[in-house]
Amino acid sequence: MGQKDVTERILEAHNDVFADIVNGLLFGGRPVIAAEDLEEQAPRSCPPLCT
């Protein structure tokens, strides 16, 4: 299972793959989010009140 998670994270790090996933799952395949509109963000940890 660990290898699959690593592979998914690597693929999702590519803007075009991530945009395809989001458009497919949330928007029924309509091209709402474009890869070129996405930008890299630093990972954030959960705030202290997060459960």
N, C-alpha and C. Protein backbone atom coordinates (compact mmCIF):
# COMPACT_ATOMS: atom_id res chain seq x y z
N MET A 1 0.82 -1.20 0.00
CA MET A 1 0.00 0.00 0.00
C MET A 1 0.86 1.26 0.00
N GLY A 2 1.99 1.24 0.64
CA GLY A 2 2.84 2.41 0.71
C GLY A 2 3.30 2.90 -0.66
N GLN A 3 3.63 1.98 -1.56
CA GLN A 3 4.10 2.37 -2.89
C GLN A 3 2.99 3.07 -3.67
N LYS A 4 1.76 2.62 -3.55
CA LYS A 4 0.64 3.26 -4.25
C LYS A 4 0.48 4.69 -3.78
N ASP A 5 0.57 4.93 -2.49
CA ASP A 5 0.44 6.28 -1.96
C ASP A 5 1.51 7.21 -2.50
N VAL A 6 2.74 6.71 -2.59
CA VAL A 6 3.85 7.51 -3.11
C VAL A 6 3.60 7.83 -4.58
N THR A 7 3.17 6.85 -5.33
CA THR A 7 2.89 7.06 -6.76
C THR A 7 1.78 8.07 -6.95
N GLU A 8 0.72 7.96 -6.15
CA GLU A 8 -0.39 8.92 -6.25
C GLU A 8 0.09 10.33 -5.95
N ARG A 9 0.88 10.50 -4.92
CA ARG A 9 1.36 11.83 -4.55
C ARG A 9 2.25 12.43 -5.64
N ILE A 10 3.07 11.59 -6.24
CA ILE A 10 3.94 12.07 -7.32
C ILE A 10 3.08 12.53 -8.50
N LEU A 11 2.08 11.73 -8.87
CA LEU A 11 1.21 12.10 -9.99
C LEU A 11 0.40 13.36 -9.68
N GLU A 12 -0.14 13.44 -8.46
CA GLU A 12 -0.96 14.59 -8.09
C GLU A 12 -0.15 15.87 -7.99
N ALA A 13 1.17 15.76 -7.89
CA ALA A 13 2.02 16.93 -7.84
C ALA A 13 2.12 17.61 -9.20
N HIS A 14 1.75 16.91 -10.27
CA HIS A 14 1.76 17.48 -11.61
C HIS A 14 0.44 18.22 -11.82
N ASN A 15 0.54 19.49 -12.16
CA ASN A 15 -0.67 20.32 -12.28
C ASN A 15 -1.67 19.77 -13.28
N ASP A 16 -1.21 19.24 -14.40
CA ASP A 16 -2.15 18.73 -15.40
C ASP A 16 -2.90 17.51 -14.89
N VAL A 17 -2.22 16.64 -14.16
CA VAL A 17 -2.87 15.45 -13.60
C VAL A 17 -3.86 15.86 -12.52
N PHE A 18 -3.44 16.76 -11.64
CA PHE A 18 -4.31 17.22 -10.56
C PHE A 18 -5.56 17.89 -11.13
N ALA A 19 -5.39 18.75 -12.13
CA ALA A 19 -6.54 19.42 -12.75
C ALA A 19 -7.49 18.40 -13.38
N ASP A 20 -6.95 17.38 -14.04
CA ASP A 20 -7.80 16.34 -14.63
C ASP A 20 -8.59 15.59 -13.56
N ILE A 21 -7.93 15.28 -12.43
CA ILE A 21 -8.61 14.56 -11.35
C ILE A 21 -9.74 15.41 -10.79
N VAL A 22 -9.47 16.67 -10.48
CA VAL A 22 -10.49 17.54 -9.90
C VAL A 22 -11.63 17.78 -10.87
N ASN A 23 -11.30 18.06 -12.12
CA ASN A 23 -12.34 18.28 -13.12
C ASN A 23 -13.20 17.04 -13.31
N GLY A 24 -12.57 15.87 -13.30
CA GLY A 24 -13.32 14.64 -13.48
C GLY A 24 -14.22 14.31 -12.30
N LEU A 25 -13.70 14.47 -11.09
CA LEU A 25 -14.47 14.09 -9.91
C LEU A 25 -15.50 15.14 -9.49
N LEU A 26 -15.14 16.40 -9.56
CA LEU A 26 -16.02 17.45 -9.04
C LEU A 26 -16.91 18.10 -10.10
N PHE A 27 -16.46 18.12 -11.34
CA PHE A 27 -17.18 18.86 -12.36
C PHE A 27 -17.63 17.99 -13.53
N GLY A 28 -17.69 16.69 -13.31
CA GLY A 28 -18.19 15.79 -14.34
C GLY A 28 -17.39 15.79 -15.63
N GLY A 29 -16.10 16.13 -15.54
CA GLY A 29 -15.23 16.14 -16.71
C GLY A 29 -15.15 17.47 -17.43
N ARG A 30 -15.98 18.45 -17.02
CA ARG A 30 -15.89 19.78 -17.64
C ARG A 30 -14.57 20.44 -17.26
N PRO A 31 -13.89 21.09 -18.18
CA PRO A 31 -12.59 21.70 -17.89
C PRO A 31 -12.73 23.02 -17.13
N VAL A 32 -13.08 22.95 -15.85
CA VAL A 32 -13.26 24.14 -15.02
C VAL A 32 -11.91 24.67 -14.52
N ILE A 33 -11.04 23.74 -14.10
CA ILE A 33 -9.72 24.11 -13.58
C ILE A 33 -8.68 23.79 -14.64
N ALA A 34 -7.85 24.77 -14.97
CA ALA A 34 -6.79 24.57 -15.95
C ALA A 34 -5.46 24.40 -15.22
N ALA A 35 -4.61 23.53 -15.73
CA ALA A 35 -3.32 23.26 -15.10
C ALA A 35 -2.48 24.52 -14.96
N GLU A 36 -2.57 25.39 -15.95
CA GLU A 36 -1.73 26.61 -15.91
C GLU A 36 -2.23 27.62 -14.88
N ASP A 37 -3.43 27.44 -14.35
CA ASP A 37 -3.95 28.34 -13.31
C ASP A 37 -3.55 27.90 -11.91
N LEU A 38 -2.95 26.72 -11.78
CA LEU A 38 -2.56 26.20 -10.48
C LEU A 38 -1.14 26.63 -10.15
N GLU A 39 -0.88 26.79 -8.86
CA GLU A 39 0.48 27.12 -8.42
C GLU A 39 0.82 26.30 -7.18
N GLU A 40 2.09 26.03 -7.03
CA GLU A 40 2.59 25.23 -5.92
C GLU A 40 2.39 25.96 -4.60
N GLN A 41 1.95 25.23 -3.59
CA GLN A 41 1.78 25.78 -2.25
C GLN A 41 2.59 24.94 -1.28
N ALA A 42 3.14 25.60 -0.27
CA ALA A 42 3.87 24.88 0.76
C ALA A 42 2.88 24.05 1.58
N PRO A 43 3.24 22.83 1.93
CA PRO A 43 2.33 22.03 2.76
C PRO A 43 2.15 22.66 4.13
N ARG A 44 0.94 22.56 4.65
CA ARG A 44 0.63 23.13 5.96
C ARG A 44 0.24 22.02 6.90
N SER A 45 0.62 22.18 8.13
CA SER A 45 0.18 21.20 9.12
C SER A 45 -1.15 21.65 9.69
N CYS A 46 -1.81 20.76 10.35
CA CYS A 46 -3.13 21.04 10.93
C CYS A 46 -2.98 22.01 12.10
N PRO A 47 -3.85 23.03 12.20
CA PRO A 47 -3.78 23.96 13.34
C PRO A 47 -4.07 23.23 14.65
N PRO A 48 -3.71 23.81 15.78
CA PRO A 48 -3.87 23.13 17.07
C PRO A 48 -5.30 22.68 17.35
N LEU A 49 -6.31 23.38 16.87
CA LEU A 49 -7.70 23.04 17.17
C LEU A 49 -8.27 22.01 16.20
N CYS A 50 -7.51 21.63 15.23
CA CYS A 50 -7.97 20.66 14.22
C CYS A 50 -8.09 19.27 14.83
N THR A 51 -9.18 18.59 14.53
CA THR A 51 -9.34 17.22 15.05
C THR A 51 -9.53 16.25 13.92
